[in-house]
Each structure stands twice: as structure tokens, then as C-alpha cells.
Amino acid sequence: MYGKEDIIKKVILTDLESTDKTMQKLKELKKENEYIEVLTWKKCKDIIDMIDES
């Protein structure tokens, strides 16, 4: 809603096993932001697969 701030509780970031330094950068972001969670792609996929779409 306009004019009302929402509180971010958690942002999940992952890396799709790239060969650059993405995971390193994500971990640096996590150190700077308590609401960021960095997961491996497998762990992220496991969480997505557990979501019941019904």
C-alpha cells in the first residue's frame, strides 16, 4: 500500500552453480543484510518442491 512500509523478513538468494564469483558476492550481501538467506540451488529447489500448490 502506498505510504505504508512493509518489513522484509527474508530474501532467499541462490546461485545456479555458476563459475563466476556469484556465491561469494551473495555471502558478502548476507553479512551486510540480516534478512538475506543464501542457499545452494539444491536446497532452494527442495524448499520449492515442498510447497503445496493446491
PDB file of N, CA and C in Angstrom:
ATOM      1  N   MET A   1       0.836  -1.170   0.000  1.00  0.00           N
ATOM      2  CA  MET A   1       0.000   0.000   0.000  1.00  0.00           C
ATOM      3  C   MET A   1       0.884   1.237   0.000  1.00  0.00           C
ATOM      4  N   TYR A   2       0.446   2.214  -0.719  1.00  0.00           N
ATOM      5  CA  TYR A   2       1.205   3.449  -0.799  1.00  0.00           C
ATOM      6  C   TYR A   2       1.249   4.134   0.560  1.00  0.00           C
ATOM      7  N   GLY A   3       2.430   4.553   0.944  1.00  0.00           N
ATOM      8  CA  GLY A   3       2.587   5.265   2.204  1.00  0.00           C
ATOM      9  C   GLY A   3       2.751   4.370   3.411  1.00  0.00           C
ATOM     10  N   LYS A   4       2.722   3.065   3.215  1.00  0.00           N
ATOM     11  CA  LYS A   4       2.881   2.141   4.335  1.00  0.00           C
ATOM     12  C   LYS A   4       4.105   1.270   4.058  1.00  0.00           C
ATOM     13  N   GLU A   5       5.017   1.265   5.004  1.00  0.00           N
ATOM     14  CA  GLU A   5       6.223   0.470   4.830  1.00  0.00           C
ATOM     15  C   GLU A   5       5.973  -0.966   5.259  1.00  0.00           C
ATOM     16  N   ASP A   6       6.475  -1.886   4.470  1.00  0.00           N
ATOM     17  CA  ASP A   6       6.450  -3.295   4.832  1.00  0.00           C
ATOM     18  C   ASP A   6       7.828  -3.673   5.337  1.00  0.00           C
ATOM     19  N   ILE A   7       7.861  -4.592   6.242  1.00  0.00           N
ATOM     20  CA  ILE A   7       9.128  -5.068   6.781  1.00  0.00           C
ATOM     21  C   ILE A   7       9.523  -6.341   6.034  1.00  0.00           C
ATOM     22  N   ILE A   8      10.707  -6.325   5.479  1.00  0.00           N
ATOM     23  CA  ILE A   8      11.214  -7.509   4.793  1.00  0.00           C
ATOM     24  C   ILE A   8      11.697  -8.482   5.855  1.00  0.00           C
ATOM     25  N   LYS A   9      11.148  -9.680   5.838  1.00  0.00           N
ATOM     26  CA  LYS A   9      11.533 -10.684   6.823  1.00  0.00           C
ATOM     27  C   LYS A   9      12.651 -11.573   6.308  1.00  0.00           C
ATOM     28  N   LYS A  10      12.577 -11.951   5.030  1.00  0.00           N
ATOM     29  CA  LYS A  10      13.611 -12.821   4.495  1.00  0.00           C
ATOM     30  C   LYS A  10      13.627 -12.735   2.977  1.00  0.00           C
ATOM     31  N   VAL A  11      14.826 -12.686   2.433  1.00  0.00           N
ATOM     32  CA  VAL A  11      15.042 -12.756   0.998  1.00  0.00           C
ATOM     33  C   VAL A  11      15.977 -13.938   0.776  1.00  0.00           C
ATOM     34  N   ILE A  12      15.541 -14.863  -0.048  1.00  0.00           N
ATOM     35  CA  ILE A  12      16.351 -16.054  -0.319  1.00  0.00           C
ATOM     36  C   ILE A  12      17.038 -15.867  -1.664  1.00  0.00           C
ATOM     37  N   LEU A  13      18.351 -16.016  -1.648  1.00  0.00           N
ATOM     38  CA  LEU A  13      19.156 -15.892  -2.868  1.00  0.00           C
ATOM     39  C   LEU A  13      19.883 -17.207  -3.101  1.00  0.00           C
ATOM     40  N   THR A  14      20.063 -17.537  -4.361  1.00  0.00           N
ATOM     41  CA  THR A  14      20.790 -18.758  -4.687  1.00  0.00           C
ATOM     42  C   THR A  14      21.625 -18.538  -5.940  1.00  0.00           C
ATOM     43  N   ASP A  15      22.517 -19.433  -6.173  1.00  0.00           N
ATOM     44  CA  ASP A  15      23.388 -19.409  -7.338  1.00  0.00           C
ATOM     45  C   ASP A  15      23.172 -20.726  -8.081  1.00  0.00           C
ATOM     46  N   LEU A  16      23.045 -20.643  -9.368  1.00  0.00           N
ATOM     47  CA  LEU A  16      22.813 -21.849 -10.171  1.00  0.00           C
ATOM     48  C   LEU A  16      24.126 -22.495 -10.598  1.00  0.00           C
ATOM     49  N   GLU A  17      25.033 -22.594  -9.642  1.00  0.00           N
ATOM     50  CA  GLU A  17      26.340 -23.233  -9.850  1.00  0.00           C
ATOM     51  C   GLU A  17      27.148 -22.562 -10.952  1.00  0.00           C
ATOM     52  N   SER A  18      27.091 -21.241 -10.997  1.00  0.00           N
ATOM     53  CA  SER A  18      27.872 -20.513 -11.989  1.00  0.00           C
ATOM     54  C   SER A  18      29.352 -20.597 -11.656  1.00  0.00           C
ATOM     55  N   THR A  19      30.171 -20.300 -12.633  1.00  0.00           N
ATOM     56  CA  THR A  19      31.623 -20.393 -12.437  1.00  0.00           C
ATOM     57  C   THR A  19      32.253 -19.051 -12.087  1.00  0.00           C
ATOM     58  N   ASP A  20      31.436 -18.015 -12.024  1.00  0.00           N
ATOM     59  CA  ASP A  20      31.976 -16.725 -11.599  1.00  0.00           C
ATOM     60  C   ASP A  20      31.930 -16.645 -10.066  1.00  0.00           C
ATOM     61  N   LYS A  21      32.008 -15.507  -9.504  1.00  0.00           N
ATOM     62  CA  LYS A  21      32.073 -15.377  -8.045  1.00  0.00           C
ATOM     63  C   LYS A  21      30.719 -14.984  -7.443  1.00  0.00           C
ATOM     64  N   THR A  22      29.642 -15.469  -8.055  1.00  0.00           N
ATOM     65  CA  THR A  22      28.302 -15.117  -7.588  1.00  0.00           C
ATOM     66  C   THR A  22      28.087 -15.528  -6.139  1.00  0.00           C
ATOM     67  N   MET A  23      28.403 -16.772  -5.796  1.00  0.00           N
ATOM     68  CA  MET A  23      28.163 -17.244  -4.429  1.00  0.00           C
ATOM     69  C   MET A  23      28.956 -16.419  -3.424  1.00  0.00           C
ATOM     70  N   GLN A  24      30.166 -16.064  -3.738  1.00  0.00           N
ATOM     71  CA  GLN A  24      30.982 -15.218  -2.861  1.00  0.00           C
ATOM     72  C   GLN A  24      30.292 -13.865  -2.649  1.00  0.00           C
ATOM     73  N   LYS A  25      29.789 -13.267  -3.719  1.00  0.00           N
ATOM     74  CA  LYS A  25      29.097 -11.976  -3.619  1.00  0.00           C
ATOM     75  C   LYS A  25      27.819 -12.103  -2.795  1.00  0.00           C
ATOM     76  N   LEU A  26      27.092 -13.206  -2.978  1.00  0.00           N
ATOM     77  CA  LEU A  26      25.872 -13.420  -2.201  1.00  0.00           C
ATOM     78  C   LEU A  26      26.180 -13.530  -0.709  1.00  0.00           C
ATOM     79  N   LYS A  27      27.246 -14.229  -0.383  1.00  0.00           N
ATOM     80  CA  LYS A  27      27.638 -14.373   1.028  1.00  0.00           C
ATOM     81  C   LYS A  27      28.053 -13.030   1.623  1.00  0.00           C
ATOM     82  N   GLU A  28      28.672 -12.178   0.824  1.00  0.00           N
ATOM     83  CA  GLU A  28      29.018 -10.836   1.289  1.00  0.00           C
ATOM     84  C   GLU A  28      27.756 -10.023   1.566  1.00  0.00           C
ATOM     85  N   LEU A  29      26.763 -10.144   0.687  1.00  0.00           N
ATOM     86  CA  LEU A  29      25.487  -9.463   0.899  1.00  0.00           C
ATOM     87  C   LEU A  29      24.816  -9.936   2.180  1.00  0.00           C
ATOM     88  N   LYS A  30      24.908 -11.242   2.440  1.00  0.00           N
ATOM     89  CA  LYS A  30      24.312 -11.814   3.646  1.00  0.00           C
ATOM     90  C   LYS A  30      24.946 -11.211   4.899  1.00  0.00           C
ATOM     91  N   LYS A  31      26.240 -11.014   4.882  1.00  0.00           N
ATOM     92  CA  LYS A  31      26.921 -10.418   6.032  1.00  0.00           C
ATOM     93  C   LYS A  31      26.421  -9.005   6.317  1.00  0.00           C
ATOM     94  N   GLU A  32      26.033  -8.306   5.262  1.00  0.00           N
ATOM     95  CA  GLU A  32      25.598  -6.912   5.376  1.00  0.00           C
ATOM     96  C   GLU A  32      24.098  -6.762   5.629  1.00  0.00           C
ATOM     97  N   ASN A  33      23.334  -7.827   5.407  1.00  0.00           N
ATOM     98  CA  ASN A  33      21.869  -7.758   5.491  1.00  0.00           C
ATOM     99  C   ASN A  33      21.334  -8.979   6.221  1.00  0.00           C
ATOM    100  N   GLU A  34      20.832  -8.774   7.422  1.00  0.00           N
ATOM    101  CA  GLU A  34      20.390  -9.898   8.248  1.00  0.00           C
ATOM    102  C   GLU A  34      19.187 -10.639   7.682  1.00  0.00           C
ATOM    103  N   TYR A  35      18.445 -10.026   6.779  1.00  0.00           N
ATOM    104  CA  TYR A  35      17.254 -10.659   6.226  1.00  0.00           C
ATOM    105  C   TYR A  35      17.555 -11.524   4.995  1.00  0.00           C
ATOM    106  N   ILE A  36      18.807 -11.559   4.549  1.00  0.00           N
ATOM    107  CA  ILE A  36      19.180 -12.355   3.386  1.00  0.00           C
ATOM    108  C   ILE A  36      19.608 -13.746   3.830  1.00  0.00           C
ATOM    109  N   GLU A  37      19.086 -14.728   3.125  1.00  0.00           N
ATOM    110  CA  GLU A  37      19.463 -16.127   3.337  1.00  0.00           C
ATOM    111  C   GLU A  37      20.052 -16.629   2.022  1.00  0.00           C
ATOM    112  N   VAL A  38      21.237 -17.196   2.073  1.00  0.00           N
ATOM    113  CA  VAL A  38      21.897 -17.708   0.878  1.00  0.00           C
ATOM    114  C   VAL A  38      21.834 -19.231   0.929  1.00  0.00           C
ATOM    115  N   LEU A  39      21.252 -19.815  -0.098  1.00  0.00           N
ATOM    116  CA  LEU A  39      21.101 -21.265  -0.160  1.00  0.00           C
ATOM    117  C   LEU A  39      21.744 -21.812  -1.419  1.00  0.00           C
ATOM    118  N   THR A  40      22.142 -23.058  -1.362  1.00  0.00           N
ATOM    119  CA  THR A  40      22.578 -23.732  -2.574  1.00  0.00           C
ATOM    120  C   THR A  40      21.344 -23.948  -3.449  1.00  0.00           C
ATOM    121  N   TRP A  41      21.554 -24.155  -4.730  1.00  0.00           N
ATOM    122  CA  TRP A  41      20.434 -24.378  -5.622  1.00  0.00           C
ATOM    123  C   TRP A  41      19.643 -25.614  -5.204  1.00  0.00           C
ATOM    124  N   LYS A  42      20.326 -26.672  -4.772  1.00  0.00           N
ATOM    125  CA  LYS A  42      19.634 -27.887  -4.356  1.00  0.00           C
ATOM    126  C   LYS A  42      18.716 -27.616  -3.175  1.00  0.00           C
ATOM    127  N   LYS A  43      19.202 -26.901  -2.180  1.00  0.00           N
ATOM    128  CA  LYS A  43      18.381 -26.590  -1.008  1.00  0.00           C
ATOM    129  C   LYS A  43      17.191 -25.712  -1.410  1.00  0.00           C
ATOM    130  N   CYS A  44      17.422 -24.757  -2.269  1.00  0.00           N
ATOM    131  CA  CYS A  44      16.347 -23.885  -2.736  1.00  0.00           C
ATOM    132  C   CYS A  44      15.296 -24.707  -3.484  1.00  0.00           C
ATOM    133  N   LYS A  45      15.730 -25.614  -4.343  1.00  0.00           N
ATOM    134  CA  LYS A  45      14.802 -26.463  -5.087  1.00  0.00           C
ATOM    135  C   LYS A  45      14.015 -27.359  -4.145  1.00  0.00           C
ATOM    136  N   ASP A  46      14.674 -27.898  -3.124  1.00  0.00           N
ATOM    137  CA  ASP A  46      13.976 -28.733  -2.138  1.00  0.00           C
ATOM    138  C   ASP A  46      12.845 -27.957  -1.463  1.00  0.00           C
ATOM    139  N   ILE A  47      13.100 -26.706  -1.124  1.00  0.00           N
ATOM    140  CA  ILE A  47      12.068 -25.866  -0.498  1.00  0.00           C
ATOM    141  C   ILE A  47      10.925 -25.621  -1.471  1.00  0.00           C
ATOM    142  N   ILE A  48      11.262 -25.311  -2.712  1.00  0.00           N
ATOM    143  CA  ILE A  48      10.227 -25.067  -3.719  1.00  0.00           C
ATOM    144  C   ILE A  48       9.379 -26.322  -3.927  1.00  0.00           C
ATOM    145  N   ASP A  49      10.027 -27.465  -3.978  1.00  0.00           N
ATOM    146  CA  ASP A  49       9.308 -28.721  -4.192  1.00  0.00           C
ATOM    147  C   ASP A  49       8.368 -29.069  -3.041  1.00  0.00           C
ATOM    148  N   MET A  50       8.653 -28.557  -1.848  1.00  0.00           N
ATOM    149  CA  MET A  50       7.794 -28.835  -0.683  1.00  0.00           C
ATOM    150  C   MET A  50       6.539 -27.975  -0.660  1.00  0.00           C
ATOM    151  N   ILE A  51       6.511 -26.919  -1.468  1.00  0.00           N
ATOM    152  CA  ILE A  51       5.346 -26.026  -1.466  1.00  0.00           C
ATOM    153  C   ILE A  51       4.168 -26.744  -2.105  1.00  0.00           C
ATOM    154  N   ASP A  52       3.065 -26.773  -1.382  1.00  0.00           N
ATOM    155  CA  ASP A  52       1.843 -27.416  -1.878  1.00  0.00           C
ATOM    156  C   ASP A  52       1.082 -26.403  -2.712  1.00  0.00           C
ATOM    157  N   GLU A  53       0.891 -26.687  -3.974  1.00  0.00           N
ATOM    158  CA  GLU A  53       0.229 -25.752  -4.865  1.00  0.00           C
ATOM    159  C   GLU A  53      -1.289 -25.840  -4.839  1.00  0.00           C
ATOM    160  N   SER A  54      -1.836 -26.690  -4.030  1.00  0.00           N
ATOM    161  CA  SER A  54      -3.308 -26.815  -4.011  1.00  0.00           C
ATOM    162  C   SER A  54      -3.972 -25.788  -3.149  1.00  0.00           C
TER     163      SER A  54
END
